[in-house]
Amino acid sequence: MERALIVCDNEKASAFYKSYLKENGYIDMLLVESIPAAKRAITDYDFDICFVNLPLGGSNSIEQVIDIAEKNVCQILLFIKADLYDEITDKVADYGIITVSKPISKQLLWQALRHALAAQRRIGMAHKESAKLEKKLEELKTISRAKLLLIINEDLTEEEAHKKIEKNAMDLRISRYQMAKDIIKKYG
């Protein structure tokens, strides 16, 4: 299930966005009326999509919308008046924010939503890969630290330390990472 955040202080527009998202399978939606409230909501929940309807509080300021885009992974659809479309699109495009001109047609909104969801899925895949690589890097650092401790405390060469970690891990049927953590606990 996908989760949506709607940032809108216009009752009619809010009802339209909620209805549209509900029609397209979104059950989990949160409506807030300001950017600060949106920032608080994003810290508490992970959203897949964020609809931001400008103006908010009578202002078309996009700096806070850009701030949300820089600090979070949810995909943002920014709804703006047609006369500001080109100017604002130029400012936000580099941050991955998708702009939609108002008044909105359902077909245009459907296309924008599909693009946003595709981008969100790619971002999610990139985050998973990044986390996987970070974990691998942490494991390699831990193993290297354990080798260094073996070199210092047991007067082994790097190759001998490496073989000792591998052999002990195999004998105990644990990972090299777990073996390295045990060595660090022993000598650290």
N, C-alpha and C. Protein backbone atom coordinates (compact mmCIF):
# COMPACT_ATOMS: atom_id res chain seq x y z
N MET A 1 0.85 -1.17 0.00
CA MET A 1 0.00 0.00 0.00
C MET A 1 0.89 1.24 0.00
N GLU A 2 0.47 2.22 -0.76
CA GLU A 2 1.25 3.43 -0.86
C GLU A 2 0.64 4.51 0.01
N ARG A 3 1.52 5.34 0.56
CA ARG A 3 1.10 6.38 1.50
C ARG A 3 1.31 7.75 0.86
N ALA A 4 0.31 8.61 0.99
CA ALA A 4 0.36 9.94 0.37
C ALA A 4 0.22 11.03 1.41
N LEU A 5 0.95 12.12 1.17
CA LEU A 5 0.84 13.33 1.98
C LEU A 5 0.32 14.43 1.07
N ILE A 6 -0.72 15.11 1.52
CA ILE A 6 -1.28 16.23 0.76
C ILE A 6 -1.03 17.49 1.57
N VAL A 7 -0.35 18.46 0.94
CA VAL A 7 -0.08 19.73 1.60
C VAL A 7 -0.89 20.78 0.86
N CYS A 8 -2.00 21.19 1.47
CA CYS A 8 -2.93 22.08 0.78
C CYS A 8 -3.79 22.80 1.81
N ASP A 9 -3.96 24.10 1.62
CA ASP A 9 -4.82 24.84 2.54
C ASP A 9 -6.11 25.31 1.86
N ASN A 10 -6.40 24.73 0.72
CA ASN A 10 -7.62 25.05 -0.02
C ASN A 10 -8.56 23.86 0.08
N GLU A 11 -9.71 24.08 0.68
CA GLU A 11 -10.64 22.98 0.96
C GLU A 11 -11.08 22.24 -0.30
N LYS A 12 -11.41 22.98 -1.35
CA LYS A 12 -11.88 22.37 -2.59
C LYS A 12 -10.77 21.54 -3.25
N ALA A 13 -9.56 22.10 -3.30
CA ALA A 13 -8.42 21.37 -3.89
C ALA A 13 -8.08 20.13 -3.06
N SER A 14 -8.13 20.28 -1.73
CA SER A 14 -7.85 19.13 -0.85
C SER A 14 -8.82 17.99 -1.11
N ALA A 15 -10.08 18.33 -1.24
CA ALA A 15 -11.10 17.31 -1.51
C ALA A 15 -10.84 16.64 -2.85
N PHE A 16 -10.44 17.41 -3.86
CA PHE A 16 -10.13 16.86 -5.18
C PHE A 16 -8.96 15.89 -5.10
N TYR A 17 -7.86 16.31 -4.43
CA TYR A 17 -6.68 15.45 -4.33
C TYR A 17 -6.99 14.17 -3.57
N LYS A 18 -7.72 14.28 -2.46
CA LYS A 18 -8.08 13.10 -1.68
C LYS A 18 -8.94 12.14 -2.51
N SER A 19 -9.92 12.69 -3.19
CA SER A 19 -10.80 11.87 -4.03
C SER A 19 -10.01 11.18 -5.14
N TYR A 20 -9.14 11.94 -5.77
CA TYR A 20 -8.35 11.38 -6.87
C TYR A 20 -7.43 10.26 -6.38
N LEU A 21 -6.74 10.49 -5.29
CA LEU A 21 -5.85 9.46 -4.75
C LEU A 21 -6.64 8.22 -4.32
N LYS A 22 -7.79 8.44 -3.71
CA LYS A 22 -8.62 7.30 -3.29
C LYS A 22 -9.06 6.48 -4.50
N GLU A 23 -9.45 7.17 -5.58
CA GLU A 23 -9.83 6.48 -6.83
C GLU A 23 -8.69 5.64 -7.39
N ASN A 24 -7.45 6.03 -7.09
CA ASN A 24 -6.29 5.36 -7.64
C ASN A 24 -5.59 4.46 -6.62
N GLY A 25 -6.33 4.02 -5.61
CA GLY A 25 -5.84 2.99 -4.72
C GLY A 25 -5.14 3.45 -3.46
N TYR A 26 -5.08 4.73 -3.22
CA TYR A 26 -4.46 5.22 -1.99
C TYR A 26 -5.50 5.23 -0.88
N ILE A 27 -5.21 4.53 0.17
CA ILE A 27 -6.10 4.50 1.32
C ILE A 27 -5.47 5.30 2.46
N ASP A 28 -4.16 5.21 2.54
CA ASP A 28 -3.41 5.85 3.62
C ASP A 28 -2.97 7.25 3.17
N MET A 29 -3.73 8.27 3.60
CA MET A 29 -3.45 9.66 3.21
C MET A 29 -3.46 10.54 4.45
N LEU A 30 -2.60 11.55 4.41
CA LEU A 30 -2.58 12.55 5.47
C LEU A 30 -2.65 13.91 4.81
N LEU A 31 -3.53 14.76 5.34
CA LEU A 31 -3.69 16.12 4.83
C LEU A 31 -3.17 17.09 5.86
N VAL A 32 -2.25 17.97 5.44
CA VAL A 32 -1.77 19.06 6.30
C VAL A 32 -1.93 20.36 5.53
N GLU A 33 -1.93 21.47 6.27
CA GLU A 33 -2.21 22.75 5.62
C GLU A 33 -1.01 23.67 5.52
N SER A 34 0.20 23.20 5.92
CA SER A 34 1.38 24.06 5.84
C SER A 34 2.63 23.22 5.63
N ILE A 35 3.67 23.88 5.15
CA ILE A 35 4.95 23.19 4.95
C ILE A 35 5.56 22.74 6.28
N PRO A 36 5.56 23.57 7.34
CA PRO A 36 6.09 23.07 8.62
C PRO A 36 5.36 21.81 9.10
N ALA A 37 4.04 21.77 8.94
CA ALA A 37 3.29 20.57 9.33
C ALA A 37 3.68 19.39 8.44
N ALA A 38 3.95 19.65 7.17
CA ALA A 38 4.40 18.59 6.25
C ALA A 38 5.76 18.04 6.68
N LYS A 39 6.66 18.94 7.07
CA LYS A 39 8.00 18.50 7.52
C LYS A 39 7.89 17.62 8.76
N ARG A 40 7.01 18.00 9.69
CA ARG A 40 6.82 17.18 10.88
C ARG A 40 6.25 15.81 10.52
N ALA A 41 5.28 15.79 9.61
CA ALA A 41 4.66 14.53 9.19
C ALA A 41 5.68 13.62 8.53
N ILE A 42 6.54 14.20 7.71
CA ILE A 42 7.54 13.40 6.99
C ILE A 42 8.57 12.81 7.94
N THR A 43 8.85 13.51 9.05
CA THR A 43 9.78 12.92 10.02
C THR A 43 9.15 11.75 10.76
N ASP A 44 7.82 11.74 10.87
CA ASP A 44 7.12 10.66 11.58
C ASP A 44 6.76 9.47 10.71
N TYR A 45 6.54 9.71 9.42
CA TYR A 45 6.08 8.66 8.51
C TYR A 45 6.87 8.69 7.21
N ASP A 46 6.92 7.55 6.55
CA ASP A 46 7.49 7.47 5.21
C ASP A 46 6.35 7.59 4.21
N PHE A 47 6.44 8.57 3.33
CA PHE A 47 5.42 8.76 2.30
C PHE A 47 6.02 8.40 0.95
N ASP A 48 5.19 7.84 0.09
CA ASP A 48 5.61 7.52 -1.26
C ASP A 48 5.46 8.73 -2.17
N ILE A 49 4.43 9.51 -1.91
CA ILE A 49 4.11 10.65 -2.77
C ILE A 49 3.66 11.82 -1.89
N CYS A 50 4.01 13.01 -2.33
CA CYS A 50 3.61 14.22 -1.61
C CYS A 50 3.05 15.21 -2.62
N PHE A 51 1.79 15.57 -2.46
CA PHE A 51 1.16 16.60 -3.29
C PHE A 51 1.30 17.92 -2.55
N VAL A 52 1.89 18.91 -3.20
CA VAL A 52 1.98 20.25 -2.61
C VAL A 52 1.23 21.20 -3.53
N ASN A 53 0.22 21.85 -2.99
CA ASN A 53 -0.61 22.78 -3.76
C ASN A 53 -0.22 24.21 -3.38
N LEU A 54 0.36 24.94 -4.32
CA LEU A 54 0.69 26.35 -4.08
C LEU A 54 -0.39 27.22 -4.68
N PRO A 55 -0.70 28.36 -4.12
CA PRO A 55 -0.02 28.97 -2.97
C PRO A 55 -0.49 28.35 -1.64
N LEU A 56 0.40 28.44 -0.66
CA LEU A 56 0.09 28.02 0.71
C LEU A 56 0.19 29.27 1.58
N GLY A 57 -0.84 29.55 2.31
CA GLY A 57 -0.83 30.74 3.14
C GLY A 57 -0.65 32.01 2.32
N GLY A 58 -1.10 31.97 1.07
CA GLY A 58 -1.00 33.12 0.19
C GLY A 58 0.37 33.30 -0.44
N SER A 59 1.29 32.37 -0.20
CA SER A 59 2.66 32.50 -0.71
C SER A 59 2.98 31.40 -1.71
N ASN A 60 3.73 31.77 -2.75
CA ASN A 60 4.21 30.80 -3.73
C ASN A 60 5.68 30.46 -3.48
N SER A 61 6.16 30.68 -2.27
CA SER A 61 7.56 30.42 -1.94
C SER A 61 7.87 28.94 -2.10
N ILE A 62 8.88 28.64 -2.88
CA ILE A 62 9.22 27.23 -3.16
C ILE A 62 10.43 26.75 -2.38
N GLU A 63 11.10 27.63 -1.64
CA GLU A 63 12.31 27.24 -0.92
C GLU A 63 12.05 26.10 0.07
N GLN A 64 10.94 26.16 0.77
CA GLN A 64 10.63 25.11 1.74
C GLN A 64 10.25 23.79 1.05
N VAL A 65 9.65 23.88 -0.12
CA VAL A 65 9.34 22.68 -0.88
C VAL A 65 10.65 22.02 -1.34
N ILE A 66 11.58 22.84 -1.79
CA ILE A 66 12.91 22.34 -2.18
C ILE A 66 13.60 21.70 -0.99
N ASP A 67 13.46 22.32 0.19
CA ASP A 67 14.05 21.78 1.41
C ASP A 67 13.51 20.38 1.71
N ILE A 68 12.21 20.20 1.53
CA ILE A 68 11.62 18.87 1.74
C ILE A 68 12.21 17.88 0.74
N ALA A 69 12.33 18.29 -0.52
CA ALA A 69 12.86 17.40 -1.55
C ALA A 69 14.31 17.01 -1.27
N GLU A 70 15.09 17.94 -0.76
CA GLU A 70 16.51 17.65 -0.49
C GLU A 70 16.70 16.71 0.69
N LYS A 71 15.82 16.76 1.65
CA LYS A 71 16.02 16.02 2.90
C LYS A 71 15.19 14.74 3.01
N ASN A 72 14.37 14.44 2.01
CA ASN A 72 13.49 13.28 2.09
C ASN A 72 13.46 12.55 0.76
N VAL A 73 12.99 11.32 0.81
CA VAL A 73 12.96 10.52 -0.41
C VAL A 73 11.60 10.42 -1.05
N CYS A 74 10.57 11.03 -0.45
CA CYS A 74 9.26 10.94 -1.09
C CYS A 74 9.24 11.80 -2.35
N GLN A 75 8.52 11.34 -3.34
CA GLN A 75 8.41 12.06 -4.61
C GLN A 75 7.38 13.18 -4.46
N ILE A 76 7.73 14.36 -4.92
CA ILE A 76 6.85 15.52 -4.76
C ILE A 76 6.23 15.93 -6.09
N LEU A 77 4.92 16.09 -6.07
CA LEU A 77 4.19 16.71 -7.18
C LEU A 77 3.78 18.09 -6.71
N LEU A 78 4.24 19.11 -7.40
CA LEU A 78 3.98 20.49 -7.03
C LEU A 78 2.96 21.08 -8.00
N PHE A 79 1.81 21.48 -7.46
CA PHE A 79 0.73 22.03 -8.27
C PHE A 79 0.80 23.55 -8.20
N ILE A 80 0.95 24.18 -9.38
CA ILE A 80 1.12 25.63 -9.44
C ILE A 80 0.26 26.23 -10.54
N LYS A 81 -0.03 27.52 -10.40
CA LYS A 81 -0.82 28.22 -11.40
C LYS A 81 -0.07 28.26 -12.73
N ALA A 82 -0.81 28.20 -13.81
CA ALA A 82 -0.24 28.14 -15.16
C ALA A 82 0.72 29.29 -15.45
N ASP A 83 0.41 30.50 -14.97
CA ASP A 83 1.27 31.64 -15.29
C ASP A 83 2.63 31.58 -14.59
N LEU A 84 2.77 30.74 -13.56
CA LEU A 84 4.05 30.58 -12.86
C LEU A 84 4.78 29.28 -13.23
N TYR A 85 4.15 28.48 -14.07
CA TYR A 85 4.65 27.14 -14.37
C TYR A 85 6.11 27.13 -14.85
N ASP A 86 6.43 27.87 -15.89
CA ASP A 86 7.79 27.83 -16.44
C ASP A 86 8.82 28.30 -15.43
N GLU A 87 8.53 29.41 -14.76
CA GLU A 87 9.47 29.99 -13.79
C GLU A 87 9.76 29.02 -12.65
N ILE A 88 8.72 28.45 -12.07
CA ILE A 88 8.90 27.56 -10.92
C ILE A 88 9.48 26.21 -11.36
N THR A 89 9.05 25.70 -12.50
CA THR A 89 9.59 24.43 -12.99
C THR A 89 11.10 24.52 -13.17
N ASP A 90 11.59 25.63 -13.70
CA ASP A 90 13.03 25.82 -13.87
C ASP A 90 13.76 25.78 -12.54
N LYS A 91 13.14 26.28 -11.49
CA LYS A 91 13.78 26.32 -10.18
C LYS A 91 13.77 24.98 -9.46
N VAL A 92 12.75 24.15 -9.69
CA VAL A 92 12.61 22.93 -8.89
C VAL A 92 12.99 21.63 -9.62
N ALA A 93 13.13 21.70 -10.92
CA ALA A 93 13.38 20.47 -11.70
C ALA A 93 14.64 19.74 -11.25
N ASP A 94 15.68 20.46 -10.91
CA ASP A 94 16.94 19.82 -10.48
C ASP A 94 16.82 19.08 -9.16
N TYR A 95 15.75 19.30 -8.43
CA TYR A 95 15.54 18.64 -7.15
C TYR A 95 14.60 17.43 -7.28
N GLY A 96 14.23 17.10 -8.51
CA GLY A 96 13.37 15.95 -8.75
C GLY A 96 11.90 16.21 -8.48
N ILE A 97 11.54 17.46 -8.33
CA ILE A 97 10.15 17.82 -8.08
C ILE A 97 9.42 17.89 -9.42
N ILE A 98 8.29 17.22 -9.49
CA ILE A 98 7.48 17.23 -10.71
C ILE A 98 6.43 18.32 -10.57
N THR A 99 6.39 19.22 -11.54
CA THR A 99 5.41 20.32 -11.48
C THR A 99 4.22 20.00 -12.37
N VAL A 100 3.05 20.42 -11.90
CA VAL A 100 1.80 20.23 -12.63
C VAL A 100 1.09 21.57 -12.65
N SER A 101 0.69 21.99 -13.84
CA SER A 101 0.03 23.27 -14.02
C SER A 101 -1.45 23.18 -13.65
N LYS A 102 -1.93 24.21 -12.96
CA LYS A 102 -3.35 24.29 -12.63
C LYS A 102 -4.01 25.24 -13.62
N PRO A 103 -5.22 25.04 -14.02
CA PRO A 103 -6.13 23.97 -13.59
C PRO A 103 -5.67 22.61 -14.09
N ILE A 104 -6.05 21.59 -13.36
CA ILE A 104 -5.55 20.24 -13.58
C ILE A 104 -6.59 19.40 -14.32
N SER A 105 -6.11 18.70 -15.34
CA SER A 105 -6.98 17.71 -15.97
C SER A 105 -6.64 16.36 -15.34
N LYS A 106 -7.61 15.48 -15.27
CA LYS A 106 -7.36 14.17 -14.66
C LYS A 106 -6.33 13.38 -15.46
N GLN A 107 -6.32 13.54 -16.78
CA GLN A 107 -5.35 12.83 -17.61
C GLN A 107 -3.94 13.30 -17.31
N LEU A 108 -3.75 14.60 -17.20
CA LEU A 108 -2.43 15.14 -16.88
C LEU A 108 -1.99 14.70 -15.49
N LEU A 109 -2.91 14.72 -14.55
CA LEU A 109 -2.59 14.28 -13.19
C LEU A 109 -2.22 12.80 -13.17
N TRP A 110 -2.93 11.99 -13.93
CA TRP A 110 -2.63 10.56 -14.02
C TRP A 110 -1.21 10.35 -14.55
N GLN A 111 -0.84 11.08 -15.61
CA GLN A 111 0.51 10.97 -16.18
C GLN A 111 1.56 11.40 -15.17
N ALA A 112 1.33 12.52 -14.50
CA ALA A 112 2.29 13.00 -13.51
C ALA A 112 2.43 12.01 -12.35
N LEU A 113 1.32 11.45 -11.90
CA LEU A 113 1.36 10.48 -10.81
C LEU A 113 2.14 9.24 -11.22
N ARG A 114 1.92 8.75 -12.44
CA ARG A 114 2.65 7.57 -12.93
C ARG A 114 4.16 7.86 -13.00
N HIS A 115 4.53 9.03 -13.48
CA HIS A 115 5.96 9.40 -13.54
C HIS A 115 6.55 9.49 -12.13
N ALA A 116 5.78 10.07 -11.23
CA ALA A 116 6.26 10.22 -9.86
C ALA A 116 6.45 8.86 -9.19
N LEU A 117 5.51 7.95 -9.41
CA LEU A 117 5.63 6.62 -8.79
C LEU A 117 6.79 5.83 -9.39
N ALA A 118 7.01 5.98 -10.69
CA ALA A 118 8.16 5.31 -11.31
C ALA A 118 9.46 5.85 -10.73
N ALA A 119 9.54 7.16 -10.59
CA ALA A 119 10.74 7.76 -10.00
C ALA A 119 10.91 7.32 -8.55
N GLN A 120 9.81 7.24 -7.80
CA GLN A 120 9.88 6.83 -6.40
C GLN A 120 10.38 5.39 -6.28
N ARG A 121 9.93 4.52 -7.17
CA ARG A 121 10.40 3.13 -7.13
C ARG A 121 11.89 3.04 -7.41
N ARG A 122 12.36 3.83 -8.37
CA ARG A 122 13.80 3.84 -8.68
C ARG A 122 14.61 4.38 -7.50
N ILE A 123 14.08 5.40 -6.84
CA ILE A 123 14.75 5.94 -5.66
C ILE A 123 14.81 4.87 -4.57
N GLY A 124 13.72 4.17 -4.38
CA GLY A 124 13.69 3.10 -3.38
C GLY A 124 14.70 2.01 -3.68
N MET A 125 14.80 1.63 -4.95
CA MET A 125 15.79 0.61 -5.33
C MET A 125 17.20 1.12 -5.08
N ALA A 126 17.46 2.38 -5.38
CA ALA A 126 18.78 2.95 -5.16
C ALA A 126 19.11 3.00 -3.67
N HIS A 127 18.12 3.30 -2.83
CA HIS A 127 18.35 3.33 -1.38
C HIS A 127 18.64 1.94 -0.85
N LYS A 128 17.93 0.93 -1.35
CA LYS A 128 18.21 -0.44 -0.92
C LYS A 128 19.63 -0.85 -1.30
N GLU A 129 20.03 -0.52 -2.52
CA GLU A 129 21.38 -0.85 -2.97
C GLU A 129 22.42 -0.10 -2.15
N SER A 130 22.15 1.15 -1.86
CA SER A 130 23.06 1.95 -1.05
C SER A 130 23.22 1.35 0.35
N ALA A 131 22.11 0.94 0.96
CA ALA A 131 22.16 0.33 2.29
C ALA A 131 22.95 -0.97 2.25
N LYS A 132 22.75 -1.75 1.20
CA LYS A 132 23.47 -3.01 1.04
C LYS A 132 24.99 -2.76 0.94
N LEU A 133 25.36 -1.76 0.16
CA LEU A 133 26.78 -1.43 0.01
C LEU A 133 27.37 -0.87 1.29
N GLU A 134 26.60 -0.07 2.02
CA GLU A 134 27.07 0.46 3.30
C GLU A 134 27.31 -0.67 4.30
N LYS A 135 26.42 -1.67 4.30
CA LYS A 135 26.58 -2.81 5.20
C LYS A 135 27.85 -3.58 4.83
N LYS A 136 28.05 -3.80 3.54
CA LYS A 136 29.25 -4.52 3.08
C LYS A 136 30.52 -3.76 3.46
N LEU A 137 30.49 -2.44 3.30
CA LEU A 137 31.65 -1.63 3.66
C LEU A 137 31.92 -1.72 5.16
N GLU A 138 30.87 -1.69 5.97
CA GLU A 138 31.03 -1.82 7.42
C GLU A 138 31.64 -3.18 7.77
N GLU A 139 31.20 -4.24 7.09
CA GLU A 139 31.76 -5.56 7.34
C GLU A 139 33.24 -5.61 6.98
N LEU A 140 33.60 -5.02 5.84
CA LEU A 140 35.01 -5.00 5.43
C LEU A 140 35.87 -4.20 6.40
N LYS A 141 35.36 -3.10 6.90
CA LYS A 141 36.09 -2.30 7.89
C LYS A 141 36.32 -3.10 9.17
N THR A 142 35.28 -3.82 9.61
CA THR A 142 35.38 -4.62 10.83
C THR A 142 36.39 -5.75 10.65
N ILE A 143 36.36 -6.40 9.50
CA ILE A 143 37.32 -7.48 9.23
C ILE A 143 38.74 -6.92 9.18
N SER A 144 38.92 -5.77 8.57
CA SER A 144 40.25 -5.15 8.51
C SER A 144 40.75 -4.79 9.90
N ARG A 145 39.85 -4.27 10.72
CA ARG A 145 40.24 -3.93 12.10
C ARG A 145 40.63 -5.18 12.88
N ALA A 146 39.89 -6.27 12.69
CA ALA A 146 40.22 -7.53 13.37
C ALA A 146 41.58 -8.05 12.90
N LYS A 147 41.84 -7.95 11.60
CA LYS A 147 43.16 -8.36 11.09
C LYS A 147 44.27 -7.57 11.76
N LEU A 148 44.08 -6.25 11.86
CA LEU A 148 45.08 -5.40 12.49
C LEU A 148 45.30 -5.81 13.94
N LEU A 149 44.24 -6.10 14.66
CA LEU A 149 44.38 -6.55 16.05
C LEU A 149 45.13 -7.88 16.14
N LEU A 150 44.88 -8.78 15.20
CA LEU A 150 45.62 -10.06 15.19
C LEU A 150 47.09 -9.83 14.87
N ILE A 151 47.36 -8.93 13.94
CA ILE A 151 48.75 -8.62 13.58
C ILE A 151 49.49 -8.06 14.80
N ILE A 152 48.84 -7.16 15.52
CA ILE A 152 49.47 -6.52 16.68
C ILE A 152 49.57 -7.48 17.85
N ASN A 153 48.50 -8.19 18.18
CA ASN A 153 48.45 -9.01 19.40
C ASN A 153 49.00 -10.42 19.25
N GLU A 154 48.97 -10.97 18.06
CA GLU A 154 49.43 -12.35 17.88
C GLU A 154 50.65 -12.43 16.96
N ASP A 155 51.17 -11.27 16.60
CA ASP A 155 52.38 -11.17 15.78
C ASP A 155 52.25 -11.98 14.48
N LEU A 156 51.14 -11.75 13.77
CA LEU A 156 50.88 -12.44 12.51
C LEU A 156 51.10 -11.47 11.35
N THR A 157 51.32 -12.02 10.17
CA THR A 157 51.33 -11.19 8.96
C THR A 157 49.88 -10.93 8.57
N GLU A 158 49.68 -10.02 7.62
CA GLU A 158 48.31 -9.74 7.18
C GLU A 158 47.68 -10.99 6.57
N GLU A 159 48.46 -11.71 5.78
CA GLU A 159 47.94 -12.93 5.15
C GLU A 159 47.58 -13.98 6.20
N GLU A 160 48.43 -14.13 7.21
CA GLU A 160 48.13 -15.09 8.28
C GLU A 160 46.88 -14.69 9.06
N ALA A 161 46.75 -13.41 9.32
CA ALA A 161 45.58 -12.91 10.04
C ALA A 161 44.31 -13.18 9.22
N HIS A 162 44.40 -12.94 7.92
CA HIS A 162 43.27 -13.18 7.03
C HIS A 162 42.88 -14.66 7.06
N LYS A 163 43.87 -15.54 6.93
CA LYS A 163 43.60 -16.99 6.94
C LYS A 163 43.04 -17.45 8.28
N LYS A 164 43.53 -16.85 9.37
CA LYS A 164 43.04 -17.23 10.70
C LYS A 164 41.55 -16.87 10.84
N ILE A 165 41.19 -15.68 10.39
CA ILE A 165 39.79 -15.27 10.47
C ILE A 165 38.92 -16.21 9.64
N GLU A 166 39.35 -16.50 8.41
CA GLU A 166 38.58 -17.39 7.55
C GLU A 166 38.45 -18.78 8.13
N LYS A 167 39.56 -19.33 8.62
CA LYS A 167 39.56 -20.69 9.17
C LYS A 167 38.68 -20.78 10.42
N ASN A 168 38.86 -19.85 11.34
CA ASN A 168 38.06 -19.87 12.57
C ASN A 168 36.56 -19.69 12.26
N ALA A 169 36.25 -18.83 11.30
CA ALA A 169 34.85 -18.63 10.92
C ALA A 169 34.27 -19.92 10.34
N MET A 170 35.05 -20.58 9.50
CA MET A 170 34.58 -21.83 8.92
C MET A 170 34.42 -22.91 9.98
N ASP A 171 35.40 -23.02 10.87
CA ASP A 171 35.34 -24.04 11.93
C ASP A 171 34.13 -23.81 12.85
N LEU A 172 33.83 -22.55 13.14
CA LEU A 172 32.73 -22.24 14.04
C LEU A 172 31.40 -22.07 13.30
N ARG A 173 31.47 -22.16 11.97
CA ARG A 173 30.28 -22.00 11.12
C ARG A 173 29.56 -20.67 11.36
N ILE A 174 30.39 -19.64 11.37
CA ILE A 174 29.87 -18.28 11.47
C ILE A 174 30.48 -17.46 10.33
N SER A 175 29.97 -16.28 10.12
CA SER A 175 30.50 -15.44 9.05
C SER A 175 31.86 -14.85 9.46
N ARG A 176 32.61 -14.44 8.45
CA ARG A 176 33.89 -13.76 8.73
C ARG A 176 33.63 -12.48 9.53
N TYR A 177 32.53 -11.82 9.23
CA TYR A 177 32.17 -10.60 9.94
C TYR A 177 31.95 -10.88 11.43
N GLN A 178 31.20 -11.93 11.74
CA GLN A 178 30.96 -12.29 13.14
C GLN A 178 32.27 -12.68 13.82
N MET A 179 33.12 -13.42 13.11
CA MET A 179 34.41 -13.80 13.66
C MET A 179 35.23 -12.55 13.96
N ALA A 180 35.22 -11.60 13.03
CA ALA A 180 35.96 -10.35 13.22
C ALA A 180 35.43 -9.59 14.44
N LYS A 181 34.11 -9.56 14.62
CA LYS A 181 33.54 -8.89 15.78
C LYS A 181 33.99 -9.56 17.07
N ASP A 182 34.08 -10.90 17.07
CA ASP A 182 34.53 -11.63 18.26
C ASP A 182 36.00 -11.31 18.56
N ILE A 183 36.81 -11.19 17.53
CA ILE A 183 38.23 -10.84 17.73
C ILE A 183 38.35 -9.43 18.27
N ILE A 184 37.57 -8.53 17.76
CA ILE A 184 37.59 -7.14 18.24
C ILE A 184 37.16 -7.09 19.70
N LYS A 185 36.14 -7.88 20.04
CA LYS A 185 35.68 -7.93 21.43
C LYS A 185 36.79 -8.46 22.33
N LYS A 186 37.54 -9.45 21.86
CA LYS A 186 38.61 -10.07 22.64
C LYS A 186 39.77 -9.10 22.83
N TYR A 187 40.20 -8.44 21.78
CA TYR A 187 41.39 -7.59 21.85
C TYR A 187 41.09 -6.09 21.94
N GLY A 188 39.89 -5.72 21.61
CA GLY A 188 39.56 -4.29 21.55
C GLY A 188 39.33 -3.74 22.91
